[in-house]
């Protein structure tokens, strides 16, 4: 067998064994991680329907979150509380997703957006 074939076979075997080892370790140490979701405002822009507040939901845990419900909280011009809502289907562990909430009036420079709830897939 030529040397190039031996080297290629050895590298292939290392890749396969490394993948199996990685998956085994991940399965053993995966545990039961609770999602750790944080929300930050990325952008506020005017639109025909009102003011669109784009937010980023970051999951700082290995545990995924599904059906994530968000609510924006701000005082309306009449003193009442506005609560625009948005929903994200899925936020994987150690990742982020963006959503937009529409306020009928300008929400100010720092609107509050929070996670109302989620399910664990």
Protein backbone atom coordinates (compact mmCIF):
# COMPACT_ATOMS: atom_id res chain seq x y z
CA UNK A 1 0.00 0.00 0.00
CA UNK A 2 1.48 3.40 -0.96
CA UNK A 3 2.40 5.85 1.78
CA UNK A 4 -0.25 8.41 0.67
CA UNK A 5 -3.02 5.83 1.18
CA UNK A 6 -1.72 4.98 4.64
CA UNK A 7 -1.64 8.64 5.66
CA UNK A 8 -5.14 9.25 4.26
CA UNK A 9 -6.47 6.16 6.04
CA UNK A 10 -4.90 7.21 9.33
CA UNK A 11 -6.33 10.74 9.06
CA UNK A 12 -9.77 9.37 8.22
CA UNK A 13 -9.65 7.04 11.22
CA UNK A 14 -8.61 9.92 13.50
CA UNK A 15 -11.50 12.08 12.27
CA UNK A 16 -14.03 9.27 12.82
CA UNK A 17 -12.68 8.37 16.27
CA UNK A 18 -12.51 12.04 17.26
CA UNK A 19 -16.12 12.58 16.20
CA UNK A 20 -17.30 9.52 18.12
CA UNK A 21 -15.34 10.65 21.19
CA UNK A 22 -16.73 14.18 21.01
CA UNK A 23 -20.32 12.95 20.70
CA UNK A 24 -19.83 10.54 23.60
CA UNK A 25 -18.44 13.27 25.88
CA UNK A 26 -21.25 15.67 24.89
CA UNK A 27 -23.86 13.02 25.64
CA UNK A 28 -22.39 12.23 29.05
CA UNK A 29 -21.80 15.85 30.12
CA UNK A 30 -24.85 17.36 28.45
CA UNK A 31 -26.72 17.40 31.71
CA UNK A 32 -29.93 19.26 32.26
CA UNK A 33 -29.00 22.85 31.45
CA UNK A 34 -31.64 25.51 31.97
CA UNK A 35 -31.70 28.17 29.21
CA UNK A 36 -30.21 31.52 30.27
CA UNK A 37 -31.90 34.14 28.07
CA UNK A 38 -30.98 37.82 27.98
CA UNK A 39 -32.58 40.50 25.81
CA UNK A 40 -30.90 43.60 24.41
CA UNK A 41 -32.27 46.32 22.13
CA UNK A 42 -30.43 46.43 18.80
CA UNK A 43 -32.32 49.13 16.88
CA UNK A 44 -35.34 51.42 17.01
CA UNK A 45 -36.73 52.63 13.69
CA UNK A 46 -39.87 54.32 12.46
CA UNK A 47 -42.22 52.30 10.25
CA UNK A 48 -45.72 52.84 8.82
CA UNK A 49 -47.27 50.80 11.66
CA UNK A 50 -45.42 52.68 14.41
CA UNK A 51 -41.92 52.17 15.81
CA UNK A 52 -40.14 48.86 15.32
CA UNK A 53 -37.84 47.81 18.14
CA UNK A 54 -35.44 45.07 17.06
CA UNK A 55 -34.07 42.99 19.93
CA UNK A 56 -31.51 40.23 20.23
CA UNK A 57 -32.24 37.29 22.51
CA UNK A 58 -29.01 35.61 23.57
CA UNK A 59 -28.93 32.18 25.19
CA UNK A 60 -25.83 31.93 27.35
CA UNK A 61 -26.50 28.34 28.39
CA UNK A 62 -26.13 25.01 26.62
CA UNK A 63 -29.85 24.34 27.13
CA UNK A 64 -32.17 25.29 24.26
CA UNK A 65 -35.42 27.23 24.57
CA UNK A 66 -38.46 26.87 22.31
CA UNK A 67 -41.58 28.99 21.90
CA UNK A 68 -39.92 32.03 23.51
CA UNK A 69 -42.42 34.81 24.25
CA UNK A 70 -41.21 38.43 24.53
CA UNK A 71 -43.01 41.55 25.71
CA UNK A 72 -42.09 45.20 25.40
CA UNK A 73 -43.11 47.46 28.26
CA UNK A 74 -43.46 51.20 27.95
CA UNK A 75 -45.75 53.96 29.12
CA UNK A 76 -48.16 55.10 26.43
CA UNK A 77 -48.91 58.75 25.81
CA UNK A 78 -52.12 58.37 27.85
CA UNK A 79 -50.23 56.92 30.83
CA UNK A 80 -51.33 53.35 30.11
CA UNK A 81 -48.87 50.53 29.65
CA UNK A 82 -48.20 49.28 26.14
CA UNK A 83 -47.17 45.65 25.77
CA UNK A 84 -46.20 44.76 22.22
CA UNK A 85 -45.33 41.05 22.01
CA UNK A 86 -43.21 38.79 19.80
CA UNK A 87 -42.44 35.09 19.70
CA UNK A 88 -39.36 33.14 18.66
CA UNK A 89 -39.79 29.51 17.66
CA UNK A 90 -36.41 28.33 18.92
CA UNK A 91 -33.24 29.69 20.52
CA UNK A 92 -30.50 27.02 20.55
CA UNK A 93 -27.95 26.84 23.34
CA UNK A 94 -25.01 29.23 23.12
CA UNK A 95 -26.58 31.25 20.30
CA UNK A 96 -28.80 34.25 19.62
CA UNK A 97 -31.88 35.15 17.60
CA UNK A 98 -33.52 38.48 16.68
CA UNK A 99 -37.13 39.58 16.92
CA UNK A 100 -39.03 42.82 16.35
CA UNK A 101 -41.76 44.42 18.45
CA UNK A 102 -43.97 47.20 17.08
CA UNK A 103 -44.87 50.09 19.36
CA UNK A 104 -47.65 52.48 18.23
CA UNK A 105 -45.75 55.46 19.71
CA UNK A 106 -42.03 56.08 20.18
CA UNK A 107 -40.92 53.85 23.08
CA UNK A 108 -38.16 56.20 24.24
CA UNK A 109 -34.43 55.67 24.07
CA UNK A 110 -34.38 52.50 26.20
CA UNK A 111 -37.58 50.45 25.93
CA UNK A 112 -37.82 47.49 28.26
CA UNK A 113 -38.21 44.10 26.60
CA UNK A 114 -38.29 40.92 28.63
CA UNK A 115 -38.83 37.21 28.23
CA UNK A 116 -42.28 36.16 29.43
CA UNK A 117 -41.70 32.43 29.11
CA UNK A 118 -40.47 29.51 27.03
CA UNK A 119 -40.63 25.73 26.80
CA UNK A 120 -37.76 23.29 26.85
CA UNK A 121 -37.56 21.08 23.76
